[in-house]
C-alpha cells in the first residue's frame, strides 16, 4: 500500500500526534501493517513495530523484547465507525503479527472504542496517561498475548 494513500488516517488525530509520511513509512517498513477496505474505499489501518525499531522510546513499553510488537495505531475512519470494523481490523492485524513471529502485543489506546476493542481481545491494562503528548486524550497502556 503506498504510504501517501494512507495519510488520510493522520487527519483523525491532533496535529502533535500525526506522523509524517517518512516516519510512518519507517515504522511500517520495520513492522506489520494492515489496511481495510469497505466497498473499495480505504476504511481502516493498523500498524506497529518492535519497540526497539521505533525512533522514540514509548512510555511503559519493554524496549528489548523482540517477541513484542508495539501497535502504533489502529484507526477506522469516522465515516466507517460504528459497524464493528475495529474488531475485524485488530483481529486481522493480530493474526499478521502472530504470523510474523511475535507472541505479544503492547500499545496505548487513546480512544474509548479501541479500549473496548482491545479489552475484547483480552489485553491487560496498566498505566494511564492523561493529556497524552499534550492532547486531551487519555492513553491506556495495554499488553497481551497474540
N, C-alpha and C. Protein backbone atom coordinates (compact mmCIF):
# COMPACT_ATOMS: atom_id res chain seq x y z
N UNK A 1 0.84 -1.17 0.00
CA UNK A 1 0.00 0.00 0.00
C UNK A 1 0.90 1.24 0.00
N UNK A 2 0.75 2.13 -0.95
CA UNK A 2 1.56 3.36 -0.93
C UNK A 2 1.22 4.20 0.30
N UNK A 3 2.22 4.56 1.07
CA UNK A 3 2.01 5.30 2.31
C UNK A 3 1.27 6.61 2.05
N UNK A 4 1.56 7.26 0.96
CA UNK A 4 0.90 8.53 0.63
C UNK A 4 -0.62 8.37 0.66
N UNK A 5 -1.11 7.23 0.20
CA UNK A 5 -2.56 7.00 0.16
C UNK A 5 -3.16 6.72 1.54
N UNK A 6 -2.31 6.48 2.53
CA UNK A 6 -2.82 6.20 3.88
C UNK A 6 -2.77 7.40 4.80
N UNK A 7 -2.29 8.52 4.31
CA UNK A 7 -2.12 9.69 5.17
C UNK A 7 -3.45 10.28 5.63
N UNK A 8 -4.56 9.87 5.02
CA UNK A 8 -5.88 10.32 5.46
C UNK A 8 -6.15 9.93 6.91
N UNK A 9 -5.53 8.87 7.38
CA UNK A 9 -5.73 8.44 8.76
C UNK A 9 -5.11 9.42 9.75
N UNK A 10 -4.07 10.10 9.35
CA UNK A 10 -3.41 11.06 10.25
C UNK A 10 -4.34 12.22 10.60
N UNK A 11 -5.27 12.56 9.71
CA UNK A 11 -6.17 13.68 9.96
C UNK A 11 -7.15 13.42 11.10
N UNK A 12 -7.28 12.17 11.52
CA UNK A 12 -8.17 11.81 12.62
C UNK A 12 -7.56 12.26 13.95
N UNK A 13 -6.27 12.48 13.96
CA UNK A 13 -5.54 12.78 15.19
C UNK A 13 -5.15 14.25 15.27
N UNK A 14 -4.91 14.70 16.49
CA UNK A 14 -4.43 16.05 16.71
C UNK A 14 -3.08 16.21 16.02
N UNK A 15 -2.77 17.41 15.63
CA UNK A 15 -1.56 17.67 14.86
C UNK A 15 -0.31 17.11 15.52
N UNK A 16 -0.20 17.25 16.84
CA UNK A 16 1.01 16.79 17.53
C UNK A 16 1.14 15.26 17.53
N UNK A 17 0.08 14.54 17.21
CA UNK A 17 0.13 13.07 17.16
C UNK A 17 0.28 12.54 15.74
N UNK A 18 0.17 13.39 14.76
CA UNK A 18 0.24 12.96 13.36
C UNK A 18 1.68 12.64 12.96
N UNK A 19 1.82 11.58 12.23
CA UNK A 19 3.13 11.21 11.70
C UNK A 19 3.34 11.84 10.33
N UNK A 20 4.58 12.09 10.00
CA UNK A 20 4.91 12.47 8.64
C UNK A 20 4.89 11.20 7.79
N UNK A 21 4.85 11.38 6.51
CA UNK A 21 4.88 10.23 5.61
C UNK A 21 6.15 9.40 5.83
N UNK A 22 7.28 10.07 6.00
CA UNK A 22 8.55 9.37 6.21
C UNK A 22 8.58 8.58 7.51
N UNK A 23 8.09 9.19 8.59
CA UNK A 23 8.07 8.49 9.88
C UNK A 23 7.15 7.27 9.82
N UNK A 24 6.00 7.45 9.20
CA UNK A 24 5.06 6.33 9.08
C UNK A 24 5.67 5.21 8.24
N UNK A 25 6.33 5.57 7.18
CA UNK A 25 6.96 4.59 6.30
C UNK A 25 8.01 3.78 7.06
N UNK A 26 8.81 4.46 7.91
CA UNK A 26 9.85 3.75 8.67
C UNK A 26 9.23 2.73 9.64
N UNK A 27 8.17 3.10 10.31
CA UNK A 27 7.52 2.17 11.24
C UNK A 27 6.96 0.98 10.48
N UNK A 28 6.27 1.24 9.40
CA UNK A 28 5.64 0.17 8.64
C UNK A 28 6.68 -0.73 7.98
N UNK A 29 7.77 -0.13 7.46
CA UNK A 29 8.82 -0.92 6.82
C UNK A 29 9.42 -1.94 7.78
N UNK A 30 9.59 -1.56 9.03
CA UNK A 30 10.19 -2.44 10.03
C UNK A 30 9.17 -3.25 10.81
N UNK A 31 7.90 -3.13 10.46
CA UNK A 31 6.88 -3.77 11.28
C UNK A 31 5.85 -4.56 10.52
N UNK A 32 4.63 -4.45 11.01
CA UNK A 32 3.48 -5.18 10.46
C UNK A 32 2.37 -4.16 10.23
N UNK A 33 1.76 -4.21 9.06
CA UNK A 33 0.69 -3.25 8.74
C UNK A 33 -0.45 -3.95 8.02
N UNK A 34 -1.65 -3.44 8.24
CA UNK A 34 -2.84 -3.96 7.55
C UNK A 34 -3.76 -2.79 7.23
N UNK A 35 -4.41 -2.87 6.08
CA UNK A 35 -5.41 -1.87 5.70
C UNK A 35 -6.71 -2.58 5.39
N UNK A 36 -7.79 -1.90 5.68
CA UNK A 36 -9.13 -2.44 5.47
C UNK A 36 -9.85 -1.56 4.44
N UNK A 37 -10.51 -2.23 3.51
CA UNK A 37 -11.32 -1.55 2.50
C UNK A 37 -12.77 -1.97 2.68
N UNK A 38 -13.68 -1.01 2.49
CA UNK A 38 -15.11 -1.28 2.52
C UNK A 38 -15.67 -0.72 1.22
N UNK A 39 -16.28 -1.58 0.45
CA UNK A 39 -16.84 -1.17 -0.85
C UNK A 39 -15.80 -0.43 -1.70
N UNK A 40 -14.57 -0.91 -1.66
CA UNK A 40 -13.49 -0.35 -2.45
C UNK A 40 -12.86 0.91 -1.88
N UNK A 41 -13.34 1.37 -0.72
CA UNK A 41 -12.80 2.58 -0.10
C UNK A 41 -11.95 2.24 1.10
N UNK A 42 -10.83 2.94 1.25
CA UNK A 42 -9.95 2.74 2.39
C UNK A 42 -10.70 3.14 3.65
N UNK A 43 -10.81 2.21 4.62
CA UNK A 43 -11.63 2.44 5.81
C UNK A 43 -10.85 2.34 7.11
N UNK A 44 -9.82 1.50 7.17
CA UNK A 44 -9.10 1.31 8.42
C UNK A 44 -7.66 0.92 8.19
N UNK A 45 -6.85 1.17 9.19
CA UNK A 45 -5.46 0.74 9.15
C UNK A 45 -4.99 0.40 10.56
N UNK A 46 -4.04 -0.50 10.63
CA UNK A 46 -3.39 -0.83 11.89
C UNK A 46 -1.94 -1.17 11.57
N UNK A 47 -1.02 -0.66 12.38
CA UNK A 47 0.39 -0.94 12.13
C UNK A 47 1.19 -0.80 13.40
N UNK A 48 2.34 -1.43 13.40
CA UNK A 48 3.23 -1.35 14.54
C UNK A 48 4.56 -2.00 14.24
N UNK A 49 5.47 -1.90 15.20
CA UNK A 49 6.82 -2.46 15.05
C UNK A 49 7.35 -2.82 16.43
N UNK A 50 8.45 -3.53 16.46
CA UNK A 50 9.05 -3.82 17.76
C UNK A 50 9.48 -2.50 18.40
N UNK A 51 9.35 -2.39 19.71
CA UNK A 51 9.73 -1.14 20.37
C UNK A 51 11.16 -0.70 20.05
N UNK A 52 12.06 -1.64 19.88
CA UNK A 52 13.46 -1.29 19.58
C UNK A 52 13.59 -0.60 18.22
N UNK A 53 12.66 -0.82 17.32
CA UNK A 53 12.71 -0.23 15.97
C UNK A 53 12.06 1.15 15.89
N UNK A 54 11.36 1.55 16.94
CA UNK A 54 10.71 2.86 16.93
C UNK A 54 11.74 3.95 17.21
N UNK A 55 11.59 5.10 16.58
CA UNK A 55 12.53 6.20 16.76
C UNK A 55 12.53 6.72 18.19
N UNK A 56 11.36 6.79 18.78
CA UNK A 56 11.23 7.32 20.15
C UNK A 56 10.88 6.19 21.11
N UNK A 57 11.41 6.27 22.30
CA UNK A 57 11.08 5.29 23.33
C UNK A 57 9.67 5.59 23.83
N UNK A 58 8.81 4.60 23.81
CA UNK A 58 7.43 4.77 24.25
C UNK A 58 7.34 4.46 25.74
N UNK A 59 6.59 5.27 26.49
CA UNK A 59 6.47 5.01 27.92
C UNK A 59 5.84 3.64 28.18
N UNK A 60 6.28 2.99 29.23
CA UNK A 60 5.70 1.74 29.72
C UNK A 60 6.14 0.50 28.94
N UNK A 61 6.66 0.64 27.75
CA UNK A 61 6.89 -0.48 26.85
C UNK A 61 8.27 -1.08 27.08
N UNK A 62 8.34 -2.41 27.25
CA UNK A 62 9.66 -3.06 27.35
C UNK A 62 10.40 -2.90 26.02
N UNK A 63 11.56 -2.27 26.04
CA UNK A 63 12.27 -1.91 24.81
C UNK A 63 13.02 -3.06 24.14
N UNK A 64 13.39 -4.06 24.89
CA UNK A 64 14.27 -5.09 24.33
C UNK A 64 13.60 -6.44 24.16
N UNK A 65 12.30 -6.49 24.11
CA UNK A 65 11.58 -7.75 23.94
C UNK A 65 11.29 -7.94 22.45
N UNK A 66 12.10 -8.74 21.79
CA UNK A 66 11.97 -8.92 20.33
C UNK A 66 10.72 -9.71 19.94
N UNK A 67 10.03 -10.31 20.90
CA UNK A 67 8.80 -11.04 20.60
C UNK A 67 7.55 -10.18 20.78
N UNK A 68 7.77 -8.92 21.20
CA UNK A 68 6.66 -7.99 21.43
C UNK A 68 6.59 -6.99 20.28
N UNK A 69 5.39 -6.76 19.78
CA UNK A 69 5.17 -5.73 18.78
C UNK A 69 4.34 -4.62 19.42
N UNK A 70 4.76 -3.39 19.19
CA UNK A 70 4.03 -2.23 19.68
C UNK A 70 3.06 -1.79 18.60
N UNK A 71 1.77 -1.82 18.91
CA UNK A 71 0.76 -1.36 17.96
C UNK A 71 0.74 0.16 18.01
N UNK A 72 1.29 0.77 17.00
CA UNK A 72 1.41 2.22 16.97
C UNK A 72 0.07 2.88 16.70
N UNK A 73 -0.75 2.25 15.88
CA UNK A 73 -2.05 2.83 15.56
C UNK A 73 -3.01 1.78 15.03
N UNK A 74 -4.25 1.89 15.46
CA UNK A 74 -5.38 1.16 14.87
C UNK A 74 -6.48 2.20 14.70
N UNK A 75 -6.82 2.50 13.46
CA UNK A 75 -7.74 3.59 13.18
C UNK A 75 -8.77 3.16 12.14
N UNK A 76 -10.02 3.45 12.42
CA UNK A 76 -11.10 3.33 11.43
C UNK A 76 -11.57 4.76 11.16
N UNK A 77 -11.63 5.13 9.89
CA UNK A 77 -12.05 6.49 9.55
C UNK A 77 -13.47 6.75 10.05
N UNK A 78 -13.77 7.98 10.45
CA UNK A 78 -15.05 8.30 11.08
C UNK A 78 -16.28 7.83 10.29
N UNK A 79 -16.26 7.94 8.99
CA UNK A 79 -17.44 7.56 8.20
C UNK A 79 -17.70 6.06 8.20
N UNK A 80 -16.75 5.25 8.71
CA UNK A 80 -16.91 3.80 8.76
C UNK A 80 -17.07 3.28 10.19
N UNK A 81 -17.03 4.18 11.16
CA UNK A 81 -17.13 3.76 12.57
C UNK A 81 -18.56 3.34 12.91
N UNK A 82 -18.67 2.55 13.98
CA UNK A 82 -19.98 2.11 14.44
C UNK A 82 -20.49 0.86 13.74
N UNK A 83 -19.65 0.17 13.00
CA UNK A 83 -20.04 -1.03 12.27
C UNK A 83 -19.33 -2.28 12.76
N UNK A 84 -18.53 -2.17 13.83
CA UNK A 84 -17.78 -3.31 14.33
C UNK A 84 -16.51 -3.59 13.55
N UNK A 85 -16.10 -2.68 12.70
CA UNK A 85 -14.91 -2.90 11.87
C UNK A 85 -13.62 -2.88 12.67
N UNK A 86 -13.61 -2.17 13.79
CA UNK A 86 -12.40 -2.12 14.62
C UNK A 86 -11.99 -3.50 15.09
N UNK A 87 -12.96 -4.32 15.49
CA UNK A 87 -12.65 -5.69 15.94
C UNK A 87 -12.10 -6.52 14.80
N UNK A 88 -12.68 -6.37 13.62
CA UNK A 88 -12.19 -7.13 12.46
C UNK A 88 -10.76 -6.71 12.12
N UNK A 89 -10.53 -5.41 12.11
CA UNK A 89 -9.20 -4.89 11.79
C UNK A 89 -8.15 -5.38 12.79
N UNK A 90 -8.45 -5.27 14.08
CA UNK A 90 -7.49 -5.68 15.11
C UNK A 90 -7.28 -7.19 15.06
N UNK A 91 -8.33 -7.96 14.84
CA UNK A 91 -8.18 -9.42 14.74
C UNK A 91 -7.24 -9.78 13.58
N UNK A 92 -7.45 -9.15 12.45
CA UNK A 92 -6.62 -9.43 11.29
C UNK A 92 -5.16 -9.03 11.55
N UNK A 93 -4.97 -7.80 12.08
CA UNK A 93 -3.61 -7.33 12.36
C UNK A 93 -2.93 -8.22 13.40
N UNK A 94 -3.65 -8.62 14.45
CA UNK A 94 -3.08 -9.52 15.45
C UNK A 94 -2.60 -10.81 14.78
N UNK A 95 -3.40 -11.34 13.86
CA UNK A 95 -3.01 -12.56 13.14
C UNK A 95 -1.77 -12.36 12.30
N UNK A 96 -1.68 -11.22 11.63
CA UNK A 96 -0.47 -10.92 10.84
C UNK A 96 0.75 -10.83 11.75
N UNK A 97 0.59 -10.17 12.90
CA UNK A 97 1.70 -10.04 13.83
C UNK A 97 2.13 -11.40 14.35
N UNK A 98 1.17 -12.22 14.70
CA UNK A 98 1.48 -13.58 15.19
C UNK A 98 2.18 -14.38 14.09
N UNK A 99 1.68 -14.28 12.88
CA UNK A 99 2.29 -14.97 11.75
C UNK A 99 3.69 -14.48 11.42
N UNK A 100 4.02 -13.28 11.87
CA UNK A 100 5.36 -12.71 11.66
C UNK A 100 6.31 -13.07 12.79
N UNK A 101 5.84 -13.89 13.74
CA UNK A 101 6.72 -14.37 14.80
C UNK A 101 6.58 -13.68 16.15
N UNK A 102 5.72 -12.68 16.23
CA UNK A 102 5.51 -12.01 17.52
C UNK A 102 4.56 -12.83 18.38
N UNK A 103 4.77 -12.80 19.68
CA UNK A 103 3.89 -13.54 20.59
C UNK A 103 3.15 -12.62 21.55
N UNK A 104 3.57 -11.34 21.58
CA UNK A 104 2.95 -10.37 22.49
C UNK A 104 2.69 -9.06 21.76
N UNK A 105 1.69 -8.33 22.24
CA UNK A 105 1.38 -7.01 21.71
C UNK A 105 1.34 -6.03 22.88
N UNK A 106 1.76 -4.80 22.61
CA UNK A 106 1.65 -3.71 23.58
C UNK A 106 1.20 -2.48 22.81
N UNK A 107 0.64 -1.53 23.53
CA UNK A 107 0.21 -0.30 22.89
C UNK A 107 -0.41 0.66 23.88
N UNK A 108 -0.79 1.79 23.37
CA UNK A 108 -1.51 2.80 24.15
C UNK A 108 -2.80 3.11 23.40
N UNK A 109 -3.93 2.78 24.01
CA UNK A 109 -5.23 3.06 23.41
C UNK A 109 -5.68 4.44 23.89
N UNK A 110 -5.98 5.33 22.95
CA UNK A 110 -6.33 6.70 23.31
C UNK A 110 -7.78 7.05 22.99
N UNK A 111 -8.56 6.07 22.64
CA UNK A 111 -9.97 6.28 22.34
C UNK A 111 -10.76 5.19 23.06
N UNK A 112 -11.87 5.55 23.71
CA UNK A 112 -12.65 4.52 24.44
C UNK A 112 -13.07 3.35 23.57
N UNK A 113 -13.28 3.59 22.28
CA UNK A 113 -13.69 2.48 21.39
C UNK A 113 -12.57 1.48 21.20
N UNK A 114 -11.33 1.94 21.09
CA UNK A 114 -10.22 0.99 20.92
C UNK A 114 -9.87 0.34 22.26
N UNK A 115 -10.13 1.03 23.37
CA UNK A 115 -10.00 0.39 24.69
C UNK A 115 -10.95 -0.80 24.74
N UNK A 116 -12.18 -0.61 24.28
CA UNK A 116 -13.17 -1.69 24.28
C UNK A 116 -12.76 -2.82 23.35
N UNK A 117 -12.24 -2.47 22.17
CA UNK A 117 -11.79 -3.50 21.22
C UNK A 117 -10.64 -4.30 21.82
N UNK A 118 -9.65 -3.62 22.35
CA UNK A 118 -8.51 -4.33 22.94
C UNK A 118 -8.96 -5.17 24.14
N UNK A 119 -9.91 -4.67 24.93
CA UNK A 119 -10.46 -5.46 26.04
C UNK A 119 -11.09 -6.75 25.53
N UNK A 120 -11.80 -6.65 24.42
CA UNK A 120 -12.43 -7.81 23.79
C UNK A 120 -11.40 -8.90 23.50
N UNK A 121 -10.19 -8.49 23.14
CA UNK A 121 -9.13 -9.44 22.82
C UNK A 121 -8.29 -9.83 24.04
N UNK A 122 -8.72 -9.42 25.23
CA UNK A 122 -8.12 -9.93 26.46
C UNK A 122 -6.82 -9.32 26.91
N UNK A 123 -6.50 -8.11 26.46
CA UNK A 123 -5.26 -7.49 26.92
C UNK A 123 -5.39 -7.10 28.38
N UNK A 124 -4.24 -6.86 29.00
CA UNK A 124 -4.19 -6.36 30.37
C UNK A 124 -3.83 -4.88 30.31
N UNK A 125 -4.56 -4.09 31.07
CA UNK A 125 -4.30 -2.65 31.08
C UNK A 125 -3.44 -2.30 32.27
N UNK A 126 -2.59 -1.30 32.08
CA UNK A 126 -1.69 -0.86 33.14
C UNK A 126 -1.76 0.64 33.32
N UNK A 127 -0.66 1.31 33.09
CA UNK A 127 -0.56 2.75 33.33
C UNK A 127 -1.57 3.54 32.49
N UNK A 128 -2.01 4.64 33.06
CA UNK A 128 -2.93 5.56 32.38
C UNK A 128 -2.23 6.92 32.33
N UNK A 129 -2.22 7.52 31.16
CA UNK A 129 -1.56 8.82 30.96
C UNK A 129 -2.58 9.85 30.52
N UNK A 130 -2.79 10.85 31.34
CA UNK A 130 -3.68 11.96 30.99
C UNK A 130 -2.95 12.90 30.02
N UNK A 131 -3.68 13.61 29.22
CA UNK A 131 -3.11 14.62 28.30
C UNK A 131 -1.96 14.05 27.48
N UNK A 132 -2.22 12.91 26.84
CA UNK A 132 -1.24 12.19 26.04
C UNK A 132 -0.58 13.13 25.02
N UNK A 133 0.70 13.32 25.15
CA UNK A 133 1.51 14.17 24.27
C UNK A 133 0.88 15.55 24.07
N UNK A 134 0.33 16.11 25.15
CA UNK A 134 -0.21 17.47 25.11
C UNK A 134 -1.62 17.58 24.56
N UNK A 135 -2.31 16.46 24.37
CA UNK A 135 -3.69 16.49 23.88
C UNK A 135 -4.64 16.30 25.06
N UNK A 136 -5.92 16.27 24.77
CA UNK A 136 -6.91 15.98 25.80
C UNK A 136 -7.16 14.48 25.91
N UNK A 137 -6.45 13.69 25.13
CA UNK A 137 -6.63 12.24 25.14
C UNK A 137 -6.04 11.62 26.40
N UNK A 138 -6.66 10.53 26.84
CA UNK A 138 -6.13 9.70 27.91
C UNK A 138 -5.64 8.41 27.26
N UNK A 139 -4.38 8.07 27.48
CA UNK A 139 -3.80 6.86 26.91
C UNK A 139 -3.79 5.76 27.96
N UNK A 140 -4.31 4.62 27.57
CA UNK A 140 -4.35 3.44 28.44
C UNK A 140 -3.35 2.43 27.88
N UNK A 141 -2.28 2.20 28.64
CA UNK A 141 -1.28 1.23 28.21
C UNK A 141 -1.84 -0.18 28.35
N UNK A 142 -1.58 -1.01 27.35
CA UNK A 142 -2.03 -2.40 27.39
C UNK A 142 -0.94 -3.31 26.88
N UNK A 143 -1.02 -4.56 27.33
CA UNK A 143 -0.19 -5.62 26.77
C UNK A 143 -0.98 -6.92 26.83
N UNK A 144 -0.65 -7.79 25.92
CA UNK A 144 -1.36 -9.06 25.87
C UNK A 144 -0.65 -10.06 24.98
N UNK A 145 -1.18 -11.25 24.99
CA UNK A 145 -0.64 -12.31 24.15
C UNK A 145 -1.32 -12.30 22.79
N UNK A 146 -0.59 -12.70 21.78
CA UNK A 146 -1.16 -12.83 20.43
C UNK A 146 -1.54 -14.27 20.16
